[in-house]
Amino acid sequence: RHFAEPAWKALRGGRITIDVPITLGIVATFGLSVASFFAEGTHQYFDS
């Protein structure tokens, strides 16, 4: 949340800050891991 909140506000204002790619990386990795978890797959990267 430390990175997501300022990233969201920046995007709403039509701007890109360093928090935006950081948040995208966190969301993408966690989202892939959650999808794999419920599908009982092997691509889970919660530790990463």
ModelCIF file with pLDDT and N, C-alpha, C, O atoms, coordinates in Angstrom:
data_MODEL
#
_entry.id   MODEL 
#
_entity.id                         1 
_entity.type                       polymer 
_entity.pdbx_number_of_molecules   1 
#
_entity_poly.entity_id                      1 
_entity_poly.type                           'polypeptide(L)' 
_entity_poly.nstd_linkage                   no 
_entity_poly.nstd_monomer                   no 
_entity_poly.pdbx_seq_one_letter_code       RHFAEPAWKALRGGRITIDVPITLGIVATFGLSVASFFAEGTHQYFDS 
_entity_poly.pdbx_seq_one_letter_code_can   RHFAEPAWKALRGGRITIDVPITLGIVATFGLSVASFFAEGTHQYFDS 
_entity_poly.pdbx_strand_id                 A 
#
loop_
_entity_poly_seq.entity_id 
_entity_poly_seq.num 
_entity_poly_seq.mon_id 
_entity_poly_seq.hetero 
1 1  ARG n 
1 2  HIS n 
1 3  PHE n 
1 4  ALA n 
1 5  GLU n 
1 6  PRO n 
1 7  ALA n 
1 8  TRP n 
1 9  LYS n 
1 10 ALA n 
1 11 LEU n 
1 12 ARG n 
1 13 GLY n 
1 14 GLY n 
1 15 ARG n 
1 16 ILE n 
1 17 THR n 
1 18 ILE n 
1 19 ASP n 
1 20 VAL n 
1 21 PRO n 
1 22 ILE n 
1 23 THR n 
1 24 LEU n 
1 25 GLY n 
1 26 ILE n 
1 27 VAL n 
1 28 ALA n 
1 29 THR n 
1 30 PHE n 
1 31 GLY n 
1 32 LEU n 
1 33 SER n 
1 34 VAL n 
1 35 ALA n 
1 36 SER n 
1 37 PHE n 
1 38 PHE n 
1 39 ALA n 
1 40 GLU n 
1 41 GLY n 
1 42 THR n 
1 43 HIS n 
1 44 GLN n 
1 45 TYR n 
1 46 PHE n 
1 47 ASP n 
1 48 SER n 
#
_struct_asym.id          A 
_struct_asym.entity_id   1 
#
loop_
_ma_qa_metric.id 
_ma_qa_metric.mode 
_ma_qa_metric.name 
_ma_qa_metric.software_group_id 
_ma_qa_metric.type 
1 global pLDDT . pLDDT 
2 local  pLDDT . pLDDT 
#
_ma_qa_metric_global.metric_id      1 
_ma_qa_metric_global.metric_value   86.40 
_ma_qa_metric_global.model_id       1 
_ma_qa_metric_global.ordinal_id     1 
#
loop_
_ma_qa_metric_local.label_asym_id 
_ma_qa_metric_local.label_comp_id 
_ma_qa_metric_local.label_seq_id 
_ma_qa_metric_local.metric_id 
_ma_qa_metric_local.metric_value 
_ma_qa_metric_local.model_id 
_ma_qa_metric_local.ordinal_id 
A ARG 1  2 86.00 1 1  
A HIS 2  2 86.00 1 2  
A PHE 3  2 88.00 1 3  
A ALA 4  2 88.00 1 4  
A GLU 5  2 86.00 1 5  
A PRO 6  2 85.00 1 6  
A ALA 7  2 87.00 1 7  
A TRP 8  2 87.00 1 8  
A LYS 9  2 82.00 1 9  
A ALA 10 2 82.00 1 10 
A LEU 11 2 86.00 1 11 
A ARG 12 2 83.00 1 12 
A GLY 13 2 78.00 1 13 
A GLY 14 2 81.00 1 14 
A ARG 15 2 79.00 1 15 
A ILE 16 2 83.00 1 16 
A THR 17 2 83.00 1 17 
A ILE 18 2 86.00 1 18 
A ASP 19 2 87.00 1 19 
A VAL 20 2 89.00 1 20 
A PRO 21 2 91.00 1 21 
A ILE 22 2 91.00 1 22 
A THR 23 2 91.00 1 23 
A LEU 24 2 93.00 1 24 
A GLY 25 2 91.00 1 25 
A ILE 26 2 92.00 1 26 
A VAL 27 2 92.00 1 27 
A ALA 28 2 92.00 1 28 
A THR 29 2 90.00 1 29 
A PHE 30 2 91.00 1 30 
A GLY 31 2 90.00 1 31 
A LEU 32 2 90.00 1 32 
A SER 33 2 89.00 1 33 
A VAL 34 2 91.00 1 34 
A ALA 35 2 91.00 1 35 
A SER 36 2 86.00 1 36 
A PHE 37 2 86.00 1 37 
A PHE 38 2 88.00 1 38 
A ALA 39 2 87.00 1 39 
A GLU 40 2 79.00 1 40 
A GLY 41 2 77.00 1 41 
A THR 42 2 75.00 1 42 
A HIS 43 2 81.00 1 43 
A GLN 44 2 83.00 1 44 
A TYR 45 2 86.00 1 45 
A PHE 46 2 87.00 1 46 
A ASP 47 2 87.00 1 47 
A SER 48 2 88.00 1 48 
#
loop_
_atom_site.group_PDB 
_atom_site.id 
_atom_site.type_symbol 
_atom_site.label_atom_id 
_atom_site.label_alt_id 
_atom_site.label_comp_id 
_atom_site.label_asym_id 
_atom_site.label_entity_id 
_atom_site.label_seq_id 
_atom_site.pdbx_PDB_ins_code 
_atom_site.Cartn_x 
_atom_site.Cartn_y 
_atom_site.Cartn_z 
_atom_site.occupancy 
_atom_site.B_iso_or_equiv 
_atom_site.pdbx_formal_charge 
_atom_site.auth_seq_id 
_atom_site.auth_comp_id 
_atom_site.auth_asym_id 
_atom_site.auth_atom_id 
_atom_site.pdbx_PDB_model_num 
ATOM 1   N N  . ARG A 1 1  ? 0.824  -1.211  0.000   1.00 86.00 ? 1  ARG A N  1 
ATOM 2   C CA . ARG A 1 1  ? 0.000  0.000   0.000   1.00 86.00 ? 1  ARG A CA 1 
ATOM 3   C C  . ARG A 1 1  ? 0.859  1.263   0.000   1.00 86.00 ? 1  ARG A C  1 
ATOM 4   O O  . ARG A 1 1  ? 0.429  2.316   -0.470  1.00 86.00 ? 1  ARG A O  1 
ATOM 5   N N  . HIS A 1 2  ? 2.066  1.146   0.527   1.00 86.00 ? 2  HIS A N  1 
ATOM 6   C CA . HIS A 1 2  ? 2.973  2.294   0.565   1.00 86.00 ? 2  HIS A CA 1 
ATOM 7   C C  . HIS A 1 2  ? 3.280  2.797   -0.842  1.00 86.00 ? 2  HIS A C  1 
ATOM 8   O O  . HIS A 1 2  ? 3.541  3.984   -1.035  1.00 86.00 ? 2  HIS A O  1 
ATOM 9   N N  . PHE A 1 3  ? 3.250  1.906   -1.814  1.00 88.00 ? 3  PHE A N  1 
ATOM 10  C CA . PHE A 1 3  ? 3.533  2.278   -3.202  1.00 88.00 ? 3  PHE A CA 1 
ATOM 11  C C  . PHE A 1 3  ? 2.243  2.420   -4.016  1.00 88.00 ? 3  PHE A C  1 
ATOM 12  O O  . PHE A 1 3  ? 2.178  3.214   -4.954  1.00 88.00 ? 3  PHE A O  1 
ATOM 13  N N  . ALA A 1 4  ? 1.221  1.646   -3.650  1.00 88.00 ? 4  ALA A N  1 
ATOM 14  C CA . ALA A 1 4  ? -0.002 1.619   -4.457  1.00 88.00 ? 4  ALA A CA 1 
ATOM 15  C C  . ALA A 1 4  ? -0.802 2.915   -4.351  1.00 88.00 ? 4  ALA A C  1 
ATOM 16  O O  . ALA A 1 4  ? -1.328 3.395   -5.355  1.00 88.00 ? 4  ALA A O  1 
ATOM 17  N N  . GLU A 1 5  ? -0.899 3.480   -3.166  1.00 86.00 ? 5  GLU A N  1 
ATOM 18  C CA . GLU A 1 5  ? -1.707 4.689   -3.000  1.00 86.00 ? 5  GLU A CA 1 
ATOM 19  C C  . GLU A 1 5  ? -1.170 5.861   -3.818  1.00 86.00 ? 5  GLU A C  1 
ATOM 20  O O  . GLU A 1 5  ? -1.932 6.463   -4.575  1.00 86.00 ? 5  GLU A O  1 
ATOM 21  N N  . PRO A 1 6  ? 0.116  6.210   -3.695  1.00 85.00 ? 6  PRO A N  1 
ATOM 22  C CA . PRO A 1 6  ? 0.606  7.313   -4.547  1.00 85.00 ? 6  PRO A CA 1 
ATOM 23  C C  . PRO A 1 6  ? 0.588  6.977   -6.028  1.00 85.00 ? 6  PRO A C  1 
ATOM 24  O O  . PRO A 1 6  ? 0.420  7.867   -6.862  1.00 85.00 ? 6  PRO A O  1 
ATOM 25  N N  . ALA A 1 7  ? 0.759  5.691   -6.368  1.00 87.00 ? 7  ALA A N  1 
ATOM 26  C CA . ALA A 1 7  ? 0.712  5.304   -7.777  1.00 87.00 ? 7  ALA A CA 1 
ATOM 27  C C  . ALA A 1 7  ? -0.686 5.530   -8.350  1.00 87.00 ? 7  ALA A C  1 
ATOM 28  O O  . ALA A 1 7  ? -0.833 6.019   -9.470  1.00 87.00 ? 7  ALA A O  1 
ATOM 29  N N  . TRP A 1 8  ? -1.706 5.173   -7.577  1.00 87.00 ? 8  TRP A N  1 
ATOM 30  C CA . TRP A 1 8  ? -3.077 5.342   -8.046  1.00 87.00 ? 8  TRP A CA 1 
ATOM 31  C C  . TRP A 1 8  ? -3.429 6.820   -8.208  1.00 87.00 ? 8  TRP A C  1 
ATOM 32  O O  . TRP A 1 8  ? -4.076 7.209   -9.180  1.00 87.00 ? 8  TRP A O  1 
ATOM 33  N N  . LYS A 1 9  ? -3.003 7.629   -7.258  1.00 82.00 ? 9  LYS A N  1 
ATOM 34  C CA . LYS A 1 9  ? -3.277 9.067   -7.350  1.00 82.00 ? 9  LYS A CA 1 
ATOM 35  C C  . LYS A 1 9  ? -2.551 9.682   -8.534  1.00 82.00 ? 9  LYS A C  1 
ATOM 36  O O  . LYS A 1 9  ? -3.081 10.568  -9.205  1.00 82.00 ? 9  LYS A O  1 
ATOM 37  N N  . ALA A 1 10 ? -1.333 9.209   -8.790  1.00 82.00 ? 10 ALA A N  1 
ATOM 38  C CA . ALA A 1 10 ? -0.596 9.731   -9.938  1.00 82.00 ? 10 ALA A CA 1 
ATOM 39  C C  . ALA A 1 10 ? -1.279 9.365   -11.249 1.00 82.00 ? 10 ALA A C  1 
ATOM 40  O O  . ALA A 1 10 ? -1.370 10.194  -12.155 1.00 82.00 ? 10 ALA A O  1 
ATOM 41  N N  . LEU A 1 11 ? -1.757 8.131   -11.357 1.00 86.00 ? 11 LEU A N  1 
ATOM 42  C CA . LEU A 1 11 ? -2.440 7.699   -12.572 1.00 86.00 ? 11 LEU A CA 1 
ATOM 43  C C  . LEU A 1 11 ? -3.745 8.469   -12.776 1.00 86.00 ? 11 LEU A C  1 
ATOM 44  O O  . LEU A 1 11 ? -4.091 8.829   -13.901 1.00 86.00 ? 11 LEU A O  1 
ATOM 45  N N  . ARG A 1 12 ? -4.463 8.717   -11.685 1.00 83.00 ? 12 ARG A N  1 
ATOM 46  C CA . ARG A 1 12 ? -5.705 9.494   -11.804 1.00 83.00 ? 12 ARG A CA 1 
ATOM 47  C C  . ARG A 1 12 ? -5.433 10.913  -12.283 1.00 83.00 ? 12 ARG A C  1 
ATOM 48  O O  . ARG A 1 12 ? -6.269 11.532  -12.941 1.00 83.00 ? 12 ARG A O  1 
ATOM 49  N N  . GLY A 1 13 ? -4.247 11.420  -11.940 1.00 78.00 ? 13 GLY A N  1 
ATOM 50  C CA . GLY A 1 13 ? -3.871 12.749  -12.390 1.00 78.00 ? 13 GLY A CA 1 
ATOM 51  C C  . GLY A 1 13 ? -3.183 12.751  -13.743 1.00 78.00 ? 13 GLY A C  1 
ATOM 52  O O  . GLY A 1 13 ? -2.727 13.796  -14.206 1.00 78.00 ? 13 GLY A O  1 
ATOM 53  N N  . GLY A 1 14 ? -3.103 11.577  -14.388 1.00 81.00 ? 14 GLY A N  1 
ATOM 54  C CA . GLY A 1 14 ? -2.487 11.484  -15.705 1.00 81.00 ? 14 GLY A CA 1 
ATOM 55  C C  . GLY A 1 14 ? -0.975 11.573  -15.672 1.00 81.00 ? 14 GLY A C  1 
ATOM 56  O O  . GLY A 1 14 ? -0.358 12.036  -16.631 1.00 81.00 ? 14 GLY A O  1 
ATOM 57  N N  . ARG A 1 15 ? -0.365 11.130  -14.569 1.00 79.00 ? 15 ARG A N  1 
ATOM 58  C CA . ARG A 1 15 ? 1.087  11.214  -14.434 1.00 79.00 ? 15 ARG A CA 1 
ATOM 59  C C  . ARG A 1 15 ? 1.668  9.860   -14.086 1.00 79.00 ? 15 ARG A C  1 
ATOM 60  O O  . ARG A 1 15 ? 0.988  8.998   -13.529 1.00 79.00 ? 15 ARG A O  1 
ATOM 61  N N  . ILE A 1 16 ? 2.941  9.685   -14.421 1.00 83.00 ? 16 ILE A N  1 
ATOM 62  C CA . ILE A 1 16 ? 3.658  8.451   -14.115 1.00 83.00 ? 16 ILE A CA 1 
ATOM 63  C C  . ILE A 1 16 ? 4.773  8.786   -13.128 1.00 83.00 ? 16 ILE A C  1 
ATOM 64  O O  . ILE A 1 16 ? 5.629  9.627   -13.404 1.00 83.00 ? 16 ILE A O  1 
ATOM 65  N N  . THR A 1 17 ? 4.753  8.116   -11.972 1.00 83.00 ? 17 THR A N  1 
ATOM 66  C CA . THR A 1 17 ? 5.825  8.267   -10.992 1.00 83.00 ? 17 THR A CA 1 
ATOM 67  C C  . THR A 1 17 ? 6.515  6.924   -10.805 1.00 83.00 ? 17 THR A C  1 
ATOM 68  O O  . THR A 1 17 ? 6.088  5.916   -11.368 1.00 83.00 ? 17 THR A O  1 
ATOM 69  N N  . ILE A 1 18 ? 7.573  6.911   -10.020 1.00 86.00 ? 18 ILE A N  1 
ATOM 70  C CA . ILE A 1 18 ? 8.334  5.677   -9.791  1.00 86.00 ? 18 ILE A CA 1 
ATOM 71  C C  . ILE A 1 18 ? 7.487  4.619   -9.100  1.00 86.00 ? 18 ILE A C  1 
ATOM 72  O O  . ILE A 1 18 ? 7.775  3.428   -9.212  1.00 86.00 ? 18 ILE A O  1 
ATOM 73  N N  . ASP A 1 19 ? 6.432  5.045   -8.378  1.00 87.00 ? 19 ASP A N  1 
ATOM 74  C CA . ASP A 1 19 ? 5.588  4.087   -7.672  1.00 87.00 ? 19 ASP A CA 1 
ATOM 75  C C  . ASP A 1 19 ? 4.704  3.282   -8.622  1.00 87.00 ? 19 ASP A C  1 
ATOM 76  O O  . ASP A 1 19 ? 4.243  2.196   -8.269  1.00 87.00 ? 19 ASP A O  1 
ATOM 77  N N  . VAL A 1 20 ? 4.466  3.801   -9.814  1.00 89.00 ? 20 VAL A N  1 
ATOM 78  C CA . VAL A 1 20 ? 3.583  3.101   -10.756 1.00 89.00 ? 20 VAL A CA 1 
ATOM 79  C C  . VAL A 1 20 ? 4.186  1.773   -11.228 1.00 89.00 ? 20 VAL A C  1 
ATOM 80  O O  . VAL A 1 20 ? 3.520  0.748   -11.083 1.00 89.00 ? 20 VAL A O  1 
ATOM 81  N N  . PRO A 1 21 ? 5.407  1.725   -11.783 1.00 91.00 ? 21 PRO A N  1 
ATOM 82  C CA . PRO A 1 21 ? 5.958  0.428   -12.186 1.00 91.00 ? 21 PRO A CA 1 
ATOM 83  C C  . PRO A 1 21 ? 6.201  -0.510  -11.004 1.00 91.00 ? 21 PRO A C  1 
ATOM 84  O O  . PRO A 1 21 ? 6.098  -1.728  -11.145 1.00 91.00 ? 21 PRO A O  1 
ATOM 85  N N  . ILE A 1 22 ? 6.522  0.058   -9.842  1.00 91.00 ? 22 ILE A N  1 
ATOM 86  C CA . ILE A 1 22 ? 6.695  -0.785  -8.652  1.00 91.00 ? 22 ILE A CA 1 
ATOM 87  C C  . ILE A 1 22 ? 5.386  -1.491  -8.316  1.00 91.00 ? 22 ILE A C  1 
ATOM 88  O O  . ILE A 1 22 ? 5.369  -2.694  -8.056  1.00 91.00 ? 22 ILE A O  1 
ATOM 89  N N  . THR A 1 23 ? 4.297  -0.740  -8.322  1.00 91.00 ? 23 THR A N  1 
ATOM 90  C CA . THR A 1 23 ? 2.994  -1.323  -8.003  1.00 91.00 ? 23 THR A CA 1 
ATOM 91  C C  . THR A 1 23 ? 2.578  -2.351  -9.040  1.00 91.00 ? 23 THR A C  1 
ATOM 92  O O  . THR A 1 23 ? 2.038  -3.402  -8.695  1.00 91.00 ? 23 THR A O  1 
ATOM 93  N N  . LEU A 1 24 ? 2.826  -2.055  -10.303 1.00 93.00 ? 24 LEU A N  1 
ATOM 94  C CA . LEU A 1 24 ? 2.487  -3.015  -11.357 1.00 93.00 ? 24 LEU A CA 1 
ATOM 95  C C  . LEU A 1 24 ? 3.243  -4.334  -11.175 1.00 93.00 ? 24 LEU A C  1 
ATOM 96  O O  . LEU A 1 24 ? 2.683  -5.411  -11.378 1.00 93.00 ? 24 LEU A O  1 
ATOM 97  N N  . GLY A 1 25 ? 4.500  -4.240  -10.796 1.00 91.00 ? 25 GLY A N  1 
ATOM 98  C CA . GLY A 1 25 ? 5.289  -5.452  -10.556 1.00 91.00 ? 25 GLY A CA 1 
ATOM 99  C C  . GLY A 1 25 ? 4.744  -6.271  -9.400  1.00 91.00 ? 25 GLY A C  1 
ATOM 100 O O  . GLY A 1 25 ? 4.664  -7.496  -9.484  1.00 91.00 ? 25 GLY A O  1 
ATOM 101 N N  . ILE A 1 26 ? 4.371  -5.600  -8.324  1.00 92.00 ? 26 ILE A N  1 
ATOM 102 C CA . ILE A 1 26 ? 3.822  -6.308  -7.158  1.00 92.00 ? 26 ILE A CA 1 
ATOM 103 C C  . ILE A 1 26 ? 2.487  -6.962  -7.504  1.00 92.00 ? 26 ILE A C  1 
ATOM 104 O O  . ILE A 1 26 ? 2.263  -8.131  -7.189  1.00 92.00 ? 26 ILE A O  1 
ATOM 105 N N  . VAL A 1 27 ? 1.601  -6.203  -8.153  1.00 92.00 ? 27 VAL A N  1 
ATOM 106 C CA . VAL A 1 27 ? 0.280  -6.722  -8.485  1.00 92.00 ? 27 VAL A CA 1 
ATOM 107 C C  . VAL A 1 27 ? 0.378  -7.886  -9.468  1.00 92.00 ? 27 VAL A C  1 
ATOM 108 O O  . VAL A 1 27 ? -0.330 -8.882  -9.317  1.00 92.00 ? 27 VAL A O  1 
ATOM 109 N N  . ALA A 1 28 ? 1.245  -7.772  -10.470 1.00 92.00 ? 28 ALA A N  1 
ATOM 110 C CA . ALA A 1 28 ? 1.368  -8.836  -11.475 1.00 92.00 ? 28 ALA A CA 1 
ATOM 111 C C  . ALA A 1 28 ? 1.886  -10.130 -10.845 1.00 92.00 ? 28 ALA A C  1 
ATOM 112 O O  . ALA A 1 28 ? 1.357  -11.209 -11.114 1.00 92.00 ? 28 ALA A O  1 
ATOM 113 N N  . THR A 1 29 ? 2.913  -10.022 -10.015 1.00 90.00 ? 29 THR A N  1 
ATOM 114 C CA . THR A 1 29 ? 3.484  -11.217 -9.388  1.00 90.00 ? 29 THR A CA 1 
ATOM 115 C C  . THR A 1 29 ? 2.502  -11.869 -8.422  1.00 90.00 ? 29 THR A C  1 
ATOM 116 O O  . THR A 1 29 ? 2.326  -13.087 -8.421  1.00 90.00 ? 29 THR A O  1 
ATOM 117 N N  . PHE A 1 30 ? 1.871  -11.042 -7.605  1.00 91.00 ? 30 PHE A N  1 
ATOM 118 C CA . PHE A 1 30 ? 0.918  -11.592 -6.632  1.00 91.00 ? 30 PHE A CA 1 
ATOM 119 C C  . PHE A 1 30 ? -0.315 -12.145 -7.340  1.00 91.00 ? 30 PHE A C  1 
ATOM 120 O O  . PHE A 1 30 ? -0.832 -13.195 -6.957  1.00 91.00 ? 30 PHE A O  1 
ATOM 121 N N  . GLY A 1 31 ? -0.785 -11.448 -8.364  1.00 90.00 ? 31 GLY A N  1 
ATOM 122 C CA . GLY A 1 31 ? -1.958 -11.925 -9.095  1.00 90.00 ? 31 GLY A CA 1 
ATOM 123 C C  . GLY A 1 31 ? -1.709 -13.266 -9.765  1.00 90.00 ? 31 GLY A C  1 
ATOM 124 O O  . GLY A 1 31 ? -2.568 -14.148 -9.728  1.00 90.00 ? 31 GLY A O  1 
ATOM 125 N N  . LEU A 1 32 ? -0.540 -13.427 -10.377 1.00 90.00 ? 32 LEU A N  1 
ATOM 126 C CA . LEU A 1 32 ? -0.204 -14.714 -11.012 1.00 90.00 ? 32 LEU A CA 1 
ATOM 127 C C  . LEU A 1 32 ? -0.127 -15.825 -9.972  1.00 90.00 ? 32 LEU A C  1 
ATOM 128 O O  . LEU A 1 32 ? -0.575 -16.946 -10.211 1.00 90.00 ? 32 LEU A O  1 
ATOM 129 N N  . SER A 1 33 ? 0.440  -15.505 -8.825  1.00 89.00 ? 33 SER A N  1 
ATOM 130 C CA . SER A 1 33 ? 0.570  -16.511 -7.765  1.00 89.00 ? 33 SER A CA 1 
ATOM 131 C C  . SER A 1 33 ? -0.791 -16.926 -7.221  1.00 89.00 ? 33 SER A C  1 
ATOM 132 O O  . SER A 1 33 ? -1.025 -18.107 -6.969  1.00 89.00 ? 33 SER A O  1 
ATOM 133 N N  . VAL A 1 34 ? -1.689 -15.960 -7.040  1.00 91.00 ? 34 VAL A N  1 
ATOM 134 C CA . VAL A 1 34 ? -3.027 -16.270 -6.533  1.00 91.00 ? 34 VAL A CA 1 
ATOM 135 C C  . VAL A 1 34 ? -3.797 -17.131 -7.535  1.00 91.00 ? 34 VAL A C  1 
ATOM 136 O O  . VAL A 1 34 ? -4.462 -18.093 -7.152  1.00 91.00 ? 34 VAL A O  1 
ATOM 137 N N  . ALA A 1 35 ? -3.701 -16.780 -8.824  1.00 91.00 ? 35 ALA A N  1 
ATOM 138 C CA . ALA A 1 35 ? -4.386 -17.575 -9.857  1.00 91.00 ? 35 ALA A CA 1 
ATOM 139 C C  . ALA A 1 35 ? -3.861 -19.005 -9.872  1.00 91.00 ? 35 ALA A C  1 
ATOM 140 O O  . ALA A 1 35 ? -4.632 -19.957 -9.986  1.00 91.00 ? 35 ALA A O  1 
ATOM 141 N N  . SER A 1 36 ? -2.547 -19.148 -9.756  1.00 86.00 ? 36 SER A N  1 
ATOM 142 C CA . SER A 1 36 ? -1.958 -20.484 -9.740  1.00 86.00 ? 36 SER A CA 1 
ATOM 143 C C  . SER A 1 36 ? -2.336 -21.241 -8.470  1.00 86.00 ? 36 SER A C  1 
ATOM 144 O O  . SER A 1 36 ? -2.496 -22.462 -8.494  1.00 86.00 ? 36 SER A O  1 
ATOM 145 N N  . PHE A 1 37 ? -2.479 -20.518 -7.368  1.00 86.00 ? 37 PHE A N  1 
ATOM 146 C CA . PHE A 1 37 ? -2.840 -21.159 -6.100  1.00 86.00 ? 37 PHE A CA 1 
ATOM 147 C C  . PHE A 1 37 ? -4.223 -21.788 -6.182  1.00 86.00 ? 37 PHE A C  1 
ATOM 148 O O  . PHE A 1 37 ? -4.399 -22.941 -5.790  1.00 86.00 ? 37 PHE A O  1 
ATOM 149 N N  . PHE A 1 38 ? -5.209 -21.045 -6.688  1.00 88.00 ? 38 PHE A N  1 
ATOM 150 C CA . PHE A 1 38 ? -6.565 -21.573 -6.771  1.00 88.00 ? 38 PHE A CA 1 
ATOM 151 C C  . PHE A 1 38 ? -6.687 -22.644 -7.861  1.00 88.00 ? 38 PHE A C  1 
ATOM 152 O O  . PHE A 1 38 ? -7.566 -23.503 -7.795  1.00 88.00 ? 38 PHE A O  1 
ATOM 153 N N  . ALA A 1 39 ? -5.802 -22.589 -8.860  1.00 87.00 ? 39 ALA A N  1 
ATOM 154 C CA . ALA A 1 39 ? -5.803 -23.630 -9.891  1.00 87.00 ? 39 ALA A CA 1 
ATOM 155 C C  . ALA A 1 39 ? -4.930 -24.806 -9.491  1.00 87.00 ? 39 ALA A C  1 
ATOM 156 O O  . ALA A 1 39 ? -4.801 -25.778 -10.236 1.00 87.00 ? 39 ALA A O  1 
ATOM 157 N N  . GLU A 1 40 ? -4.321 -24.710 -8.291  1.00 79.00 ? 40 GLU A N  1 
ATOM 158 C CA . GLU A 1 40 ? -3.424 -25.748 -7.771  1.00 79.00 ? 40 GLU A CA 1 
ATOM 159 C C  . GLU A 1 40 ? -2.284 -26.016 -8.746  1.00 79.00 ? 40 GLU A C  1 
ATOM 160 O O  . GLU A 1 40 ? -1.880 -27.155 -8.979  1.00 79.00 ? 40 GLU A O  1 
ATOM 161 N N  . GLY A 1 41 ? -1.780 -24.905 -9.311  1.00 77.00 ? 41 GLY A N  1 
ATOM 162 C CA . GLY A 1 41 ? -0.640 -25.005 -10.205 1.00 77.00 ? 41 GLY A CA 1 
ATOM 163 C C  . GLY A 1 41 ? 0.682  -24.906 -9.451  1.00 77.00 ? 41 GLY A C  1 
ATOM 164 O O  . GLY A 1 41 ? 0.718  -24.887 -8.221  1.00 77.00 ? 41 GLY A O  1 
ATOM 165 N N  . THR A 1 42 ? 1.752  -24.846 -10.212 1.00 75.00 ? 42 THR A N  1 
ATOM 166 C CA . THR A 1 42 ? 3.098  -24.822 -9.605  1.00 75.00 ? 42 THR A CA 1 
ATOM 167 C C  . THR A 1 42 ? 3.745  -23.444 -9.671  1.00 75.00 ? 42 THR A C  1 
ATOM 168 O O  . THR A 1 42 ? 4.805  -23.234 -9.082  1.00 75.00 ? 42 THR A O  1 
ATOM 169 N N  . HIS A 1 43 ? 3.127  -22.502 -10.378 1.00 81.00 ? 43 HIS A N  1 
ATOM 170 C CA . HIS A 1 43 ? 3.738  -21.180 -10.533 1.00 81.00 ? 43 HIS A CA 1 
ATOM 171 C C  . HIS A 1 43 ? 3.239  -20.236 -9.428  1.00 81.00 ? 43 HIS A C  1 
ATOM 172 O O  . HIS A 1 43 ? 2.453  -19.325 -9.685  1.00 81.00 ? 43 HIS A O  1 
ATOM 173 N N  . GLN A 1 44 ? 3.698  -20.464 -8.227  1.00 83.00 ? 44 GLN A N  1 
ATOM 174 C CA . GLN A 1 44 ? 3.333  -19.641 -7.083  1.00 83.00 ? 44 GLN A CA 1 
ATOM 175 C C  . GLN A 1 44 ? 4.604  -18.979 -6.538  1.00 83.00 ? 44 GLN A C  1 
ATOM 176 O O  . GLN A 1 44 ? 5.574  -19.648 -6.182  1.00 83.00 ? 44 GLN A O  1 
ATOM 177 N N  . TYR A 1 45 ? 4.566  -17.657 -6.485  1.00 86.00 ? 45 TYR A N  1 
ATOM 178 C CA . TYR A 1 45 ? 5.769  -16.905 -6.114  1.00 86.00 ? 45 TYR A CA 1 
ATOM 179 C C  . TYR A 1 45 ? 5.495  -15.985 -4.917  1.00 86.00 ? 45 TYR A C  1 
ATOM 180 O O  . TYR A 1 45 ? 5.897  -14.821 -4.901  1.00 86.00 ? 45 TYR A O  1 
ATOM 181 N N  . PHE A 1 46 ? 4.813  -16.532 -3.934  1.00 87.00 ? 46 PHE A N  1 
ATOM 182 C CA . PHE A 1 46 ? 4.515  -15.726 -2.751  1.00 87.00 ? 46 PHE A CA 1 
ATOM 183 C C  . PHE A 1 46 ? 5.785  -15.324 -2.007  1.00 87.00 ? 46 PHE A C  1 
ATOM 184 O O  . PHE A 1 46 ? 5.862  -14.230 -1.446  1.00 87.00 ? 46 PHE A O  1 
ATOM 185 N N  . ASP A 1 47 ? 6.768  -16.198 -2.003  1.00 87.00 ? 47 ASP A N  1 
ATOM 186 C CA . ASP A 1 47 ? 8.036  -15.859 -1.347  1.00 87.00 ? 47 ASP A CA 1 
ATOM 187 C C  . ASP A 1 47 ? 8.739  -14.716 -2.081  1.00 87.00 ? 47 ASP A C  1 
ATOM 188 O O  . ASP A 1 47 ? 9.309  -13.823 -1.454  1.00 87.00 ? 47 ASP A O  1 
ATOM 189 N N  . SER A 1 48 ? 8.693  -14.752 -3.407  1.00 88.00 ? 48 SER A N  1 
ATOM 190 C CA . SER A 1 48 ? 9.369  -13.723 -4.199  1.00 88.00 ? 48 SER A CA 1 
ATOM 191 C C  . SER A 1 48 ? 8.702  -12.359 -4.046  1.00 88.00 ? 48 SER A C  1 
ATOM 192 O O  . SER A 1 48 ? 9.149  -11.382 -4.648  1.00 88.00 ? 48 SER A O  1 
#
